[in-house]
Every structure is written in C-alpha cells, then in structure tokens.
Amino acid sequence: MPVERWRSQPDPVELDLLGMIADPVLDVGCGPGRMVAALATSGRVTLGLDTNPYAVDEARQRRAPVLQRSVFGPLPGERRWGTVLLLDGNVGIGGNPSRLLRRCAELLRHGGQVLVEIEPPGVPTRTLTVRLQSAGRQGPWFPWARVGVDALPELAAAAGLAAVRSTTAGGRWYGWVVKR
C-alpha cells in the first residue's frame, strides 16, 4: 500500500477528479487527509473519516475537517452527501466491498455518487489480510479487499447503485457509481 503517496499532496490527476465531483464530499478512509484538505482549502464542503488515530492527527495538522470514526457507525449528514470518496483502494475497507457500497448508498442523497478507485480489467476481486508499514513500523493486520473494474457493475447493483463509467488516468483506475 502506498503510504508515502497518502502523505503527499494530491497529484494533478487527483485534483482533476476532485473537480468532477459534487459537494458535500465524504472521504471514507481519508488517512492523513490530503483530499479533504485540498477540498476544504478550495472552499468546498467536505469531511474525512478514518479509524486510525495517527492518520486523524496528521489530517488535523493539515487543517482537514476529519472525524475518527468508522463508516459503519452513525455519521453526520446521512442521506445528504453528494459524493463519497473511496480512493486509494478504500473500496477494500473491512474486506467486504458489497457491505461498504451498501453503506455508501445509505449515506448518499438521491443522485449522489461514489468515486471509487479500483483495480485494472482482468484483476479478480478478492479478500485478503494486510497491514500498513512505514518507516520501519508495522501496524496490525486487518481485512481488506481488492476490486477489479470488471466486478464494479455487479457490486454496485447489489448495493442499489448503478455503475455509470470507469476510466484510467495516471496509471490508476476509477469508477463512478450513482444512487438512483
């Protein structure tokens, strides 16, 4: 997992993606808050969520509006979010992409969207156990999943969402799913 990229500023591709999404924006698994900080700095309504206290502290140092919470618990603005971000592979949170996308559907307003970073075509969806490592430190193991672009339409439909498009940019794959 690209921990150091998460600590950097959003790159031009990511900034372009942020320009295509509707407010308010909920960044699930925001980590150190680079997307939330970029959105907030540009005057957009946004909130980040992460369960890791170190990531939340780093996000707050960036002046990113962030809560240390799980996406599966009660959250402000339920059924009113315009966009839920699942970047950096965060569709894998909890190891169950179906459950996570269903929860995202509960958070969105009618017509709201999930911007999800996914794996390239041909990569199968699978569940695994991972841990973060950075600067010689290792975190605890936790469940994660990888979702290939080919599986996104079916996963979205099972969550009550519709996959509307996918694209590649900067060597990464993204998909948009919408609550109808």
Protein backbone atom coordinates (compact mmCIF):
# COMPACT_ATOMS: atom_id res chain seq x y z
CA MET A 1 0.00 0.00 0.00
CA PRO A 2 1.41 3.40 -1.00
CA VAL A 3 1.62 5.04 2.45
CA GLU A 4 4.02 7.75 1.32
CA ARG A 5 1.72 8.79 -1.55
CA TRP A 6 -1.07 9.22 1.01
CA ARG A 7 1.10 11.71 2.86
CA SER A 8 1.85 13.81 -0.23
CA GLN A 9 -0.31 16.48 -1.84
CA PRO A 10 -2.93 15.39 -4.39
CA ASP A 11 -1.40 14.98 -7.83
CA PRO A 12 -2.85 16.67 -10.97
CA VAL A 13 -4.99 13.61 -11.86
CA GLU A 14 -6.48 13.55 -8.37
CA LEU A 15 -7.15 17.29 -8.48
CA ASP A 16 -8.95 16.84 -11.81
CA LEU A 17 -11.09 14.09 -10.26
CA LEU A 18 -11.95 16.32 -7.31
CA GLY A 19 -13.14 18.93 -9.80
CA MET A 20 -15.67 16.45 -11.22
CA ILE A 21 -17.50 15.55 -8.01
CA ALA A 22 -20.49 17.08 -6.24
CA ASP A 23 -20.49 18.61 -2.78
CA PRO A 24 -20.74 17.85 0.03
CA VAL A 25 -17.95 15.25 -0.08
CA LEU A 26 -17.34 12.48 2.45
CA ASP A 27 -13.87 10.92 2.18
CA VAL A 28 -14.07 7.44 3.71
CA GLY A 29 -10.69 6.19 4.91
CA CYS A 30 -9.19 9.65 4.40
CA GLY A 31 -5.89 8.73 6.05
CA PRO A 32 -3.74 11.83 6.53
CA GLY A 33 -6.43 13.93 4.85
CA ARG A 34 -4.80 15.06 1.64
CA MET A 35 -8.04 15.04 -0.38
CA VAL A 36 -10.11 16.56 2.43
CA ALA A 37 -7.54 19.30 2.98
CA ALA A 38 -7.44 20.10 -0.75
CA LEU A 39 -11.24 20.28 -0.93
CA ALA A 40 -11.55 22.38 2.24
CA THR A 41 -8.79 24.76 1.13
CA SER A 42 -10.69 25.41 -2.09
CA GLY A 43 -13.83 26.27 -0.09
CA ARG A 44 -15.71 23.04 -0.69
CA VAL A 45 -17.86 21.32 1.92
CA THR A 46 -16.11 18.11 2.95
CA LEU A 47 -15.48 15.72 5.82
CA GLY A 48 -12.96 12.94 6.22
CA LEU A 49 -13.33 9.72 8.20
CA ASP A 50 -10.64 7.42 9.44
CA THR A 51 -10.38 4.97 12.31
CA ASN A 52 -6.62 5.36 12.72
CA PRO A 53 -5.80 7.96 15.40
CA TYR A 54 -2.38 8.73 13.88
CA ALA A 55 -3.89 9.39 10.45
CA VAL A 56 -6.58 11.60 12.01
CA ASP A 57 -3.93 13.59 13.90
CA GLU A 58 -1.97 14.10 10.69
CA ALA A 59 -5.14 15.17 8.86
CA ARG A 60 -5.93 17.69 11.59
CA GLN A 61 -2.41 19.11 11.30
CA ARG A 62 -3.32 19.83 7.66
CA ARG A 63 -6.45 21.59 8.95
CA ALA A 64 -8.63 18.96 7.30
CA PRO A 65 -12.10 18.52 8.79
CA VAL A 66 -11.97 14.91 9.93
CA LEU A 67 -13.59 12.54 12.42
CA GLN A 68 -12.07 9.45 13.96
CA ARG A 69 -14.94 7.09 13.19
CA SER A 70 -15.92 4.02 11.27
CA VAL A 71 -18.07 4.48 8.19
CA PHE A 72 -20.30 1.74 9.60
CA GLY A 73 -21.34 3.76 12.66
CA PRO A 74 -23.62 6.80 12.91
CA LEU A 75 -22.38 9.73 10.83
CA PRO A 76 -23.39 13.34 10.28
CA GLY A 77 -25.24 14.12 7.09
CA GLU A 78 -26.58 10.64 6.40
CA ARG A 79 -28.63 10.57 3.18
CA ARG A 80 -27.35 14.05 2.27
CA TRP A 81 -23.83 13.52 0.87
CA GLY A 82 -23.29 14.42 -2.79
CA THR A 83 -20.15 12.29 -3.14
CA VAL A 84 -18.48 9.56 -1.16
CA LEU A 85 -14.80 9.10 -1.99
CA LEU A 86 -13.27 5.63 -1.86
CA LEU A 87 -9.85 6.47 -3.28
CA ASP A 88 -6.55 4.66 -2.78
CA GLY A 89 -8.34 1.33 -2.95
CA ASN A 90 -10.58 2.14 0.02
CA VAL A 91 -13.41 0.11 -1.50
CA GLY A 92 -11.48 -2.65 0.28
CA ILE A 93 -12.20 -1.30 3.79
CA GLY A 94 -13.43 -4.11 6.00
CA GLY A 95 -12.76 -6.79 3.41
CA ASN A 96 -16.36 -6.71 2.17
CA PRO A 97 -16.90 -4.32 -0.76
CA SER A 98 -20.60 -5.20 -1.01
CA ARG A 99 -21.24 -4.16 2.57
CA LEU A 100 -19.22 -0.96 2.15
CA LEU A 101 -21.01 0.07 -1.04
CA ARG A 102 -24.40 -0.59 0.62
CA ARG A 103 -23.33 1.70 3.44
CA CYS A 104 -22.22 4.35 0.94
CA ALA A 105 -25.65 4.14 -0.71
CA GLU A 106 -27.23 4.89 2.70
CA LEU A 107 -25.06 7.98 3.06
CA LEU A 108 -25.78 9.47 -0.37
CA ARG A 109 -28.64 11.72 -1.39
CA HIS A 110 -30.67 10.78 -4.47
CA GLY A 111 -28.37 11.23 -7.47
CA GLY A 112 -25.26 11.19 -5.27
CA GLN A 113 -22.17 9.36 -6.43
CA VAL A 114 -19.34 7.21 -5.16
CA LEU A 115 -15.96 7.80 -6.78
CA VAL A 116 -14.08 4.57 -6.26
CA GLU A 117 -10.52 3.65 -7.13
CA ILE A 118 -10.40 0.11 -8.46
CA GLU A 119 -8.02 -2.39 -9.97
CA PRO A 120 -7.49 -2.72 -13.76
CA PRO A 121 -9.51 -5.02 -16.03
CA GLY A 122 -8.76 -8.68 -15.53
CA VAL A 123 -7.82 -8.32 -11.87
CA PRO A 124 -10.17 -10.51 -9.84
CA THR A 125 -11.94 -9.24 -6.77
CA ARG A 126 -10.52 -10.91 -3.68
CA THR A 127 -10.39 -10.58 0.07
CA LEU A 128 -7.07 -10.52 1.90
CA THR A 129 -5.47 -9.52 5.18
CA VAL A 130 -3.00 -6.62 5.11
CA ARG A 131 -1.08 -4.29 7.38
CA LEU A 132 0.49 -0.90 6.88
CA GLN A 133 4.24 -0.44 7.06
CA SER A 134 6.03 2.88 7.04
CA ALA A 135 9.48 3.98 8.19
CA GLY A 136 10.17 0.54 9.63
CA ARG A 137 6.95 0.46 11.69
CA GLN A 138 4.22 -2.09 11.14
CA GLY A 139 0.58 -1.80 12.08
CA PRO A 140 -1.83 -4.60 12.98
CA TRP A 141 -3.29 -6.95 10.39
CA PHE A 142 -6.80 -6.10 9.12
CA PRO A 143 -9.25 -7.36 6.46
CA TRP A 144 -9.08 -5.71 3.05
CA ALA A 145 -10.35 -6.40 -0.45
CA ARG A 146 -9.25 -5.60 -3.96
CA VAL A 147 -11.94 -4.91 -6.54
CA GLY A 148 -11.34 -5.14 -10.26
CA VAL A 149 -13.12 -2.81 -12.67
CA ASP A 150 -14.91 -5.81 -14.19
CA ALA A 151 -16.71 -6.52 -10.89
CA LEU A 152 -17.85 -2.96 -10.21
CA PRO A 153 -21.21 -3.06 -12.09
CA GLU A 154 -22.36 -6.17 -10.22
CA LEU A 155 -21.17 -4.89 -6.83
CA ALA A 156 -22.83 -1.53 -7.44
CA ALA A 157 -26.13 -3.12 -8.47
CA ALA A 158 -26.15 -5.32 -5.36
CA ALA A 159 -25.78 -2.15 -3.27
CA GLY A 160 -28.64 -0.34 -5.01
CA LEU A 161 -26.26 1.78 -7.06
CA ALA A 162 -25.63 1.99 -10.79
CA ALA A 163 -22.13 1.91 -12.27
CA VAL A 164 -22.07 4.74 -14.80
CA ARG A 165 -18.50 4.74 -16.03
CA SER A 166 -14.90 3.82 -15.41
CA THR A 167 -11.69 5.33 -16.66
CA THR A 168 -7.96 5.16 -16.25
CA ALA A 169 -5.76 8.14 -15.51
CA GLY A 170 -2.22 8.42 -14.23
CA GLY A 171 -1.82 4.65 -14.24
CA ARG A 172 -4.77 4.16 -11.87
CA TRP A 173 -8.39 3.06 -12.47
CA TYR A 174 -11.52 4.85 -11.25
CA GLY A 175 -15.21 4.14 -11.36
CA TRP A 176 -18.31 6.23 -10.68
CA VAL A 177 -21.43 4.68 -9.23
CA VAL A 178 -24.63 6.63 -8.65
CA LYS A 179 -27.61 6.35 -6.33
CA ARG A 180 -30.76 6.47 -8.43
